[in-house]
Amino acid sequence: MGMKNLKKAAAFIAATVLCMSMSMGVLASSPTDPDQIPGISYGMSLDNEDGPSISAVAVSKDLSEEVEAILQDKSQIKDILINAGYEVKDDQDITVIAASDMELIDPRNGEKVEIPEGGTDFEFYLGADLWSGLSNPNLEGIKNNDTLYILHQKADGTWEVLEATAVVETSGDVTTYKVKAHFDSFSPVAIIKVMSNGKITVLDKNGNETGTITTTEANKGDKVKGESVKVVKTTAEKKSPKTGN
């Protein structure tokens, strides 16, 4: 199958997932437990101006209990951001919009695919505003081109923070919400928004990245990539899911 046909296959799968999620409405995307974090429906690779382009679909798996506990604790999320050099003020509220353990697959055969060296650009579908309302209530207040933040746990257990762009598109009576960013690898991914006075806000940078990846054999060669999306490596301290210590 050529690249053109592969892109069509990936687009078909994405469209199918989108139609299914829309047809099921609010019940499909909104967790019944208010403490449960909504999942990311799927992700699509984009044409990449800064590196290799691929045609593949990112699918979601359940988060581990440890990662879910971190993402349910705003103090730990704040620590990740601060360690990455961001300033989080008392009047800024942090919300995890959606999170999943992402895996990249080839739509032709369902086999796992590795992101090529240099990374590539992806767009994640987060939900929609339908006739029944927002499929994910955490999307409230997000507008096109707003700055969102992505927390990504790397294979070695460290976290990186990516600045991403909200993509909000309206067609007829349906508004879809997506986010696009550049990724070097996949694993647990959390999309967050920061709000102040009811509006999306951009975090200030203090320039002091207190947490950086220590080079080991496991992460040797990791480096900050891309200019359109700023990537900051951070080694946020993990706490026990049960005790918080």
C-alpha atoms as a PDB file:
ATOM      1  CA  MET A   1       0.000   0.000   0.000  1.00  0.00           C
ATOM      2  CA  GLY A   2       1.437   3.372  -1.012  1.00  0.00           C
ATOM      3  CA  MET A   3       1.765   6.380   1.278  1.00  0.00           C
ATOM      4  CA  LYS A   4      -1.338   8.008  -0.222  1.00  0.00           C
ATOM      5  CA  ASN A   5      -3.456   4.931   0.424  1.00  0.00           C
ATOM      6  CA  LEU A   6      -1.994   4.558   3.913  1.00  0.00           C
ATOM      7  CA  LYS A   7      -3.040   8.096   4.754  1.00  0.00           C
ATOM      8  CA  LYS A   8      -6.530   7.303   3.466  1.00  0.00           C
ATOM      9  CA  ALA A   9      -6.686   4.187   5.638  1.00  0.00           C
ATOM     10  CA  ALA A  10      -5.589   6.127   8.702  1.00  0.00           C
ATOM     11  CA  ALA A  11      -8.111   8.861   7.969  1.00  0.00           C
ATOM     12  CA  PHE A  12     -10.868   6.257   7.558  1.00  0.00           C
ATOM     13  CA  ILE A  13     -10.101   4.730  10.960  1.00  0.00           C
ATOM     14  CA  ALA A  14     -10.033   8.167  12.568  1.00  0.00           C
ATOM     15  CA  ALA A  15     -13.346   9.096  10.961  1.00  0.00           C
ATOM     16  CA  THR A  16     -14.890   5.841  12.158  1.00  0.00           C
ATOM     17  CA  VAL A  17     -13.745   6.446  15.723  1.00  0.00           C
ATOM     18  CA  LEU A  18     -15.033  10.020  15.549  1.00  0.00           C
ATOM     19  CA  CYS A  19     -18.460   8.960  14.276  1.00  0.00           C
ATOM     20  CA  MET A  20     -18.739   6.306  16.964  1.00  0.00           C
ATOM     21  CA  SER A  21     -17.800   8.730  19.718  1.00  0.00           C
ATOM     22  CA  MET A  22     -20.250  11.343  18.429  1.00  0.00           C
ATOM     23  CA  SER A  23     -23.104   8.872  18.072  1.00  0.00           C
ATOM     24  CA  MET A  24     -22.730   7.740  21.657  1.00  0.00           C
ATOM     25  CA  GLY A  25     -22.859  11.334  22.909  1.00  0.00           C
ATOM     26  CA  VAL A  26     -22.059  12.404  26.415  1.00  0.00           C
ATOM     27  CA  LEU A  27     -22.165   8.922  27.914  1.00  0.00           C
ATOM     28  CA  ALA A  28     -19.328   7.775  25.669  1.00  0.00           C
ATOM     29  CA  SER A  29     -16.760  10.327  26.802  1.00  0.00           C
ATOM     30  CA  SER A  30     -17.858  11.572  30.210  1.00  0.00           C
ATOM     31  CA  PRO A  31     -16.752   9.421  33.158  1.00  0.00           C
ATOM     32  CA  THR A  32     -19.455   8.434  35.613  1.00  0.00           C
ATOM     33  CA  ASP A  33     -16.944   8.853  38.448  1.00  0.00           C
ATOM     34  CA  PRO A  34     -16.082  12.583  38.825  1.00  0.00           C
ATOM     35  CA  ASP A  35     -12.579  11.610  39.949  1.00  0.00           C
ATOM     36  CA  GLN A  36     -11.968   9.558  36.800  1.00  0.00           C
ATOM     37  CA  ILE A  37      -9.942  11.285  34.097  1.00  0.00           C
ATOM     38  CA  PRO A  38     -11.518  11.137  30.607  1.00  0.00           C
ATOM     39  CA  GLY A  39      -9.476   9.232  28.033  1.00  0.00           C
ATOM     40  CA  ILE A  40      -8.056  10.486  24.743  1.00  0.00           C
ATOM     41  CA  SER A  41     -10.104   8.996  21.889  1.00  0.00           C
ATOM     42  CA  TYR A  42      -7.337   8.726  19.296  1.00  0.00           C
ATOM     43  CA  GLY A  43      -4.472  10.610  17.641  1.00  0.00           C
ATOM     44  CA  MET A  44      -3.539  11.140  13.999  1.00  0.00           C
ATOM     45  CA  SER A  45      -0.089  11.854  12.579  1.00  0.00           C
ATOM     46  CA  LEU A  46       0.237  15.103  10.627  1.00  0.00           C
ATOM     47  CA  ASP A  47       2.493  16.249   7.816  1.00  0.00           C
ATOM     48  CA  ASN A  48       5.657  17.264   9.658  1.00  0.00           C
ATOM     49  CA  GLU A  49       7.574  20.329   8.500  1.00  0.00           C
ATOM     50  CA  ASP A  50      10.455  19.774  10.928  1.00  0.00           C
ATOM     51  CA  GLY A  51      11.030  16.038  10.516  1.00  0.00           C
ATOM     52  CA  PRO A  52       9.828  12.771   9.005  1.00  0.00           C
ATOM     53  CA  SER A  53       6.114  12.302   8.363  1.00  0.00           C
ATOM     54  CA  ILE A  54       4.312   9.021   8.958  1.00  0.00           C
ATOM     55  CA  SER A  55       0.770   7.745   8.518  1.00  0.00           C
ATOM     56  CA  ALA A  56      -0.315   6.005  11.681  1.00  0.00           C
ATOM     57  CA  VAL A  57      -3.001   6.090  14.340  1.00  0.00           C
ATOM     58  CA  ALA A  58      -2.391   6.638  18.041  1.00  0.00           C
ATOM     59  CA  VAL A  59      -4.711   4.520  20.166  1.00  0.00           C
ATOM     60  CA  SER A  60      -5.249   4.766  23.894  1.00  0.00           C
ATOM     61  CA  LYS A  61      -4.822   2.274  26.701  1.00  0.00           C
ATOM     62  CA  ASP A  62      -5.742   2.603  30.365  1.00  0.00           C
ATOM     63  CA  LEU A  63      -3.375   4.521  32.608  1.00  0.00           C
ATOM     64  CA  SER A  64      -1.549   2.693  35.364  1.00  0.00           C
ATOM     65  CA  GLU A  65      -2.813   3.316  38.902  1.00  0.00           C
ATOM     66  CA  GLU A  66       0.431   5.115  39.727  1.00  0.00           C
ATOM     67  CA  VAL A  67       0.174   7.560  36.809  1.00  0.00           C
ATOM     68  CA  GLU A  68      -3.536   8.147  37.405  1.00  0.00           C
ATOM     69  CA  ALA A  69      -2.814   8.975  41.041  1.00  0.00           C
ATOM     70  CA  ILE A  70      -0.217  11.563  39.969  1.00  0.00           C
ATOM     71  CA  LEU A  71      -2.624  13.182  37.503  1.00  0.00           C
ATOM     72  CA  GLN A  72      -5.412  13.313  40.105  1.00  0.00           C
ATOM     73  CA  ASP A  73      -3.142  15.271  42.455  1.00  0.00           C
ATOM     74  CA  LYS A  74      -2.940  18.926  41.393  1.00  0.00           C
ATOM     75  CA  SER A  75       0.023  19.519  43.689  1.00  0.00           C
ATOM     76  CA  GLN A  76       2.047  16.918  41.788  1.00  0.00           C
ATOM     77  CA  ILE A  77       1.012  18.398  38.426  1.00  0.00           C
ATOM     78  CA  LYS A  78       2.052  21.804  39.715  1.00  0.00           C
ATOM     79  CA  ASP A  79       5.412  20.347  40.774  1.00  0.00           C
ATOM     80  CA  ILE A  80       5.954  18.952  37.263  1.00  0.00           C
ATOM     81  CA  LEU A  81       5.268  22.371  35.738  1.00  0.00           C
ATOM     82  CA  ILE A  82       7.419  24.251  38.243  1.00  0.00           C
ATOM     83  CA  ASN A  83      10.307  21.832  37.786  1.00  0.00           C
ATOM     84  CA  ALA A  84      10.014  22.480  34.048  1.00  0.00           C
ATOM     85  CA  GLY A  85      10.567  26.196  34.642  1.00  0.00           C
ATOM     86  CA  TYR A  86       6.969  27.422  34.669  1.00  0.00           C
ATOM     87  CA  GLU A  87       5.436  29.775  37.231  1.00  0.00           C
ATOM     88  CA  VAL A  88       2.083  28.600  38.592  1.00  0.00           C
ATOM     89  CA  LYS A  89       0.231  31.326  40.490  1.00  0.00           C
ATOM     90  CA  ASP A  90      -2.319  30.811  43.246  1.00  0.00           C
ATOM     91  CA  ASP A  91      -5.179  32.142  41.101  1.00  0.00           C
ATOM     92  CA  GLN A  92      -4.421  29.759  38.221  1.00  0.00           C
ATOM     93  CA  ASP A  93      -6.492  26.585  38.153  1.00  0.00           C
ATOM     94  CA  ILE A  94      -5.096  23.420  36.528  1.00  0.00           C
ATOM     95  CA  THR A  95      -7.448  20.887  34.937  1.00  0.00           C
ATOM     96  CA  VAL A  96      -6.542  17.590  33.292  1.00  0.00           C
ATOM     97  CA  ILE A  97      -8.713  17.600  30.161  1.00  0.00           C
ATOM     98  CA  ALA A  98      -7.951  14.014  29.154  1.00  0.00           C
ATOM     99  CA  ALA A  99      -5.211  11.423  29.596  1.00  0.00           C
ATOM    100  CA  SER A 100      -4.315   7.997  28.228  1.00  0.00           C
ATOM    101  CA  ASP A 101      -1.386   5.677  27.734  1.00  0.00           C
ATOM    102  CA  MET A 102      -0.904   6.154  23.983  1.00  0.00           C
ATOM    103  CA  GLU A 103       0.384   3.595  21.520  1.00  0.00           C
ATOM    104  CA  LEU A 104       1.085   4.075  17.811  1.00  0.00           C
ATOM    105  CA  ILE A 105      -0.243   1.481  15.354  1.00  0.00           C
ATOM    106  CA  ASP A 106      -0.176   0.812  11.620  1.00  0.00           C
ATOM    107  CA  PRO A 107      -3.823   1.008  10.429  1.00  0.00           C
ATOM    108  CA  ARG A 108      -3.161  -1.641   7.778  1.00  0.00           C
ATOM    109  CA  ASN A 109      -2.378  -4.451  10.193  1.00  0.00           C
ATOM    110  CA  GLY A 110      -2.813  -3.114  13.738  1.00  0.00           C
ATOM    111  CA  GLU A 111       0.861  -3.688  14.563  1.00  0.00           C
ATOM    112  CA  LYS A 112       2.762  -1.333  16.855  1.00  0.00           C
ATOM    113  CA  VAL A 113       4.835   1.363  15.156  1.00  0.00           C
ATOM    114  CA  GLU A 114       7.752   3.326  16.597  1.00  0.00           C
ATOM    115  CA  ILE A 115       7.911   7.091  16.131  1.00  0.00           C
ATOM    116  CA  PRO A 116      10.868   7.823  13.835  1.00  0.00           C
ATOM    117  CA  GLU A 117      14.001   9.546  15.097  1.00  0.00           C
ATOM    118  CA  GLY A 118      13.372  13.267  15.177  1.00  0.00           C
ATOM    119  CA  GLY A 119       9.749  12.757  16.195  1.00  0.00           C
ATOM    120  CA  THR A 120       6.666  13.800  14.280  1.00  0.00           C
ATOM    121  CA  ASP A 121       3.591  15.985  14.656  1.00  0.00           C
ATOM    122  CA  PHE A 122       0.331  14.579  16.029  1.00  0.00           C
ATOM    123  CA  GLU A 123      -3.210  15.791  16.537  1.00  0.00           C
ATOM    124  CA  PHE A 124      -5.260  14.270  19.354  1.00  0.00           C
ATOM    125  CA  TYR A 125      -9.068  14.239  19.303  1.00  0.00           C
ATOM    126  CA  LEU A 126     -10.390  15.333  22.721  1.00  0.00           C
ATOM    127  CA  GLY A 127     -14.142  15.516  22.255  1.00  0.00           C
ATOM    128  CA  ALA A 128     -16.978  17.502  20.734  1.00  0.00           C
ATOM    129  CA  ASP A 129     -19.770  19.940  21.487  1.00  0.00           C
ATOM    130  CA  LEU A 130     -22.840  18.110  20.232  1.00  0.00           C
ATOM    131  CA  TRP A 131     -26.588  18.645  20.359  1.00  0.00           C
ATOM    132  CA  SER A 132     -26.410  17.028  23.795  1.00  0.00           C
ATOM    133  CA  GLY A 133     -23.643  19.325  25.029  1.00  0.00           C
ATOM    134  CA  LEU A 134     -19.912  18.863  25.593  1.00  0.00           C
ATOM    135  CA  SER A 135     -18.874  15.215  25.404  1.00  0.00           C
ATOM    136  CA  ASN A 136     -16.072  16.103  27.825  1.00  0.00           C
ATOM    137  CA  PRO A 137     -16.956  18.873  30.326  1.00  0.00           C
ATOM    138  CA  ASN A 138     -13.242  19.644  30.783  1.00  0.00           C
ATOM    139  CA  LEU A 139     -13.268  21.240  27.315  1.00  0.00           C
ATOM    140  CA  GLU A 140     -15.238  24.191  28.685  1.00  0.00           C
ATOM    141  CA  GLY A 141     -13.603  27.540  27.871  1.00  0.00           C
ATOM    142  CA  ILE A 142     -11.155  26.285  25.218  1.00  0.00           C
ATOM    143  CA  LYS A 143     -10.945  28.320  22.015  1.00  0.00           C
ATOM    144  CA  ASN A 144      -9.079  27.772  18.768  1.00  0.00           C
ATOM    145  CA  ASN A 145      -5.307  28.444  19.041  1.00  0.00           C
ATOM    146  CA  ASP A 146      -5.385  28.510  22.859  1.00  0.00           C
ATOM    147  CA  THR A 147      -2.226  27.236  24.518  1.00  0.00           C
ATOM    148  CA  LEU A 148      -2.632  23.893  26.266  1.00  0.00           C
ATOM    149  CA  TYR A 149       0.042  21.843  27.998  1.00  0.00           C
ATOM    150  CA  ILE A 150       0.918  18.195  27.570  1.00  0.00           C
ATOM    151  CA  LEU A 151       2.502  16.151  30.335  1.00  0.00           C
ATOM    152  CA  HIS A 152       4.251  13.131  28.871  1.00  0.00           C
ATOM    153  CA  GLN A 153       5.858  10.405  30.939  1.00  0.00           C
ATOM    154  CA  LYS A 154       8.835   8.959  29.129  1.00  0.00           C
ATOM    155  CA  ALA A 155       9.905   5.316  29.225  1.00  0.00           C
ATOM    156  CA  ASP A 156      12.485   6.041  31.939  1.00  0.00           C
ATOM    157  CA  GLY A 157       9.785   7.407  34.270  1.00  0.00           C
ATOM    158  CA  THR A 158      10.656  11.093  33.860  1.00  0.00           C
ATOM    159  CA  TRP A 159       8.158  13.678  32.685  1.00  0.00           C
ATOM    160  CA  GLU A 160       8.384  16.243  29.910  1.00  0.00           C
ATOM    161  CA  VAL A 161       6.154  19.259  29.363  1.00  0.00           C
ATOM    162  CA  LEU A 162       5.111  20.302  25.863  1.00  0.00           C
ATOM    163  CA  GLU A 163       3.331  23.487  24.889  1.00  0.00           C
ATOM    164  CA  ALA A 164       0.558  22.598  22.453  1.00  0.00           C
ATOM    165  CA  THR A 165      -2.102  24.355  20.390  1.00  0.00           C
ATOM    166  CA  ALA A 166      -5.841  23.825  20.663  1.00  0.00           C
ATOM    167  CA  VAL A 167      -7.658  23.147  17.389  1.00  0.00           C
ATOM    168  CA  VAL A 168     -11.380  23.985  17.644  1.00  0.00           C
ATOM    169  CA  GLU A 169     -13.415  23.503  14.461  1.00  0.00           C
ATOM    170  CA  THR A 170     -17.142  23.924  13.848  1.00  0.00           C
ATOM    171  CA  SER A 171     -19.070  22.185  11.084  1.00  0.00           C
ATOM    172  CA  GLY A 172     -22.833  22.615  11.158  1.00  0.00           C
ATOM    173  CA  ASP A 173     -24.061  21.987  14.702  1.00  0.00           C
ATOM    174  CA  VAL A 174     -20.934  20.117  15.812  1.00  0.00           C
ATOM    175  CA  THR A 175     -17.747  21.637  17.231  1.00  0.00           C
ATOM    176  CA  THR A 176     -14.746  19.339  17.600  1.00  0.00           C
ATOM    177  CA  TYR A 177     -11.822  19.852  19.981  1.00  0.00           C
ATOM    178  CA  LYS A 178      -8.313  18.661  19.195  1.00  0.00           C
ATOM    179  CA  VAL A 179      -4.783  19.478  20.262  1.00  0.00           C
ATOM    180  CA  LYS A 180      -1.633  19.296  18.165  1.00  0.00           C
ATOM    181  CA  ALA A 181       1.977  18.905  19.273  1.00  0.00           C
ATOM    182  CA  HIS A 182       5.314  17.357  18.299  1.00  0.00           C
ATOM    183  CA  PHE A 183       6.187  14.006  19.890  1.00  0.00           C
ATOM    184  CA  ASP A 184       9.436  12.063  20.052  1.00  0.00           C
ATOM    185  CA  SER A 185       7.833   9.049  21.741  1.00  0.00           C
ATOM    186  CA  PHE A 186       4.567   7.811  23.206  1.00  0.00           C
ATOM    187  CA  SER A 187       3.467   6.484  26.592  1.00  0.00           C
ATOM    188  CA  PRO A 188       1.246   8.141  29.243  1.00  0.00           C
ATOM    189  CA  VAL A 189       0.040  11.505  27.920  1.00  0.00           C
ATOM    190  CA  ALA A 190      -2.080  14.084  29.778  1.00  0.00           C
ATOM    191  CA  ILE A 191      -3.582  17.202  28.187  1.00  0.00           C
ATOM    192  CA  ILE A 192      -4.055  20.042  30.692  1.00  0.00           C
ATOM    193  CA  LYS A 193      -5.454  23.543  30.619  1.00  0.00           C
ATOM    194  CA  VAL A 194      -4.593  26.427  32.932  1.00  0.00           C
ATOM    195  CA  MET A 195      -7.350  28.934  33.636  1.00  0.00           C
ATOM    196  CA  SER A 196      -7.534  32.265  35.427  1.00  0.00           C
ATOM    197  CA  ASN A 197     -10.712  34.322  35.855  1.00  0.00           C
ATOM    198  CA  GLY A 198     -12.594  31.843  33.678  1.00  0.00           C
ATOM    199  CA  LYS A 199     -10.227  32.132  30.705  1.00  0.00           C
ATOM    200  CA  ILE A 200      -7.400  30.007  29.331  1.00  0.00           C
ATOM    201  CA  THR A 201      -4.069  31.509  30.363  1.00  0.00           C
ATOM    202  CA  VAL A 202      -0.441  30.986  29.374  1.00  0.00           C
ATOM    203  CA  LEU A 203       2.046  30.195  32.111  1.00  0.00           C
ATOM    204  CA  ASP A 204       5.028  32.498  32.573  1.00  0.00           C
ATOM    205  CA  LYS A 205       8.500  30.987  32.420  1.00  0.00           C
ATOM    206  CA  ASN A 206      11.018  31.738  35.161  1.00  0.00           C
ATOM    207  CA  GLY A 207      13.877  30.250  33.168  1.00  0.00           C
ATOM    208  CA  ASN A 208      14.890  27.940  35.989  1.00  0.00           C
ATOM    209  CA  GLU A 209      14.458  24.337  34.939  1.00  0.00           C
ATOM    210  CA  THR A 210      15.072  22.663  38.272  1.00  0.00           C
ATOM    211  CA  GLY A 211      14.430  19.165  36.959  1.00  0.00           C
ATOM    212  CA  THR A 212      16.360  17.826  33.982  1.00  0.00           C
ATOM    213  CA  ILE A 213      16.922  14.337  32.684  1.00  0.00           C
ATOM    214  CA  THR A 214      20.134  12.798  33.932  1.00  0.00           C
ATOM    215  CA  THR A 215      21.829  11.048  31.037  1.00  0.00           C
ATOM    216  CA  THR A 216      21.819   7.286  31.436  1.00  0.00           C
ATOM    217  CA  GLU A 217      22.041   4.379  29.039  1.00  0.00           C
ATOM    218  CA  ALA A 218      18.235   4.309  29.039  1.00  0.00           C
ATOM    219  CA  ASN A 219      17.753   7.880  27.850  1.00  0.00           C
ATOM    220  CA  LYS A 220      21.099   8.600  26.174  1.00  0.00           C
ATOM    221  CA  GLY A 221      20.597  10.817  23.185  1.00  0.00           C
ATOM    222  CA  ASP A 222      17.397  12.497  24.401  1.00  0.00           C
ATOM    223  CA  LYS A 223      17.364  16.166  23.522  1.00  0.00           C
ATOM    224  CA  VAL A 224      15.000  19.061  23.149  1.00  0.00           C
ATOM    225  CA  LYS A 225      13.567  19.135  19.625  1.00  0.00           C
ATOM    226  CA  GLY A 226      11.495  21.508  17.553  1.00  0.00           C
ATOM    227  CA  GLU A 227      10.904  25.225  17.579  1.00  0.00           C
ATOM    228  CA  SER A 228       7.186  25.448  16.888  1.00  0.00           C
ATOM    229  CA  VAL A 229       6.464  23.520  20.066  1.00  0.00           C
ATOM    230  CA  LYS A 230       8.693  24.077  23.059  1.00  0.00           C
ATOM    231  CA  VAL A 231       9.704  20.875  24.800  1.00  0.00           C
ATOM    232  CA  VAL A 232      11.055  20.893  28.321  1.00  0.00           C
ATOM    233  CA  LYS A 233      12.402  17.821  30.076  1.00  0.00           C
ATOM    234  CA  THR A 234      11.639  17.423  33.757  1.00  0.00           C
ATOM    235  CA  THR A 235      12.178  14.758  36.398  1.00  0.00           C
ATOM    236  CA  ALA A 236       9.170  15.361  38.592  1.00  0.00           C
ATOM    237  CA  GLU A 237       9.379  13.379  41.805  1.00  0.00           C
ATOM    238  CA  LYS A 238       6.911  10.538  41.962  1.00  0.00           C
ATOM    239  CA  LYS A 239       4.873  10.032  45.110  1.00  0.00           C
ATOM    240  CA  SER A 240       3.169   6.943  46.355  1.00  0.00           C
ATOM    241  CA  PRO A 241      -0.336   6.619  44.905  1.00  0.00           C
ATOM    242  CA  LYS A 242      -1.663   5.676  48.332  1.00  0.00           C
ATOM    243  CA  THR A 243       0.339   7.805  50.780  1.00  0.00           C
ATOM    244  CA  GLY A 244       1.479  10.725  48.607  1.00  0.00           C
ATOM    245  CA  ASN A 245       5.022  10.342  49.966  1.00  0.00           C
END
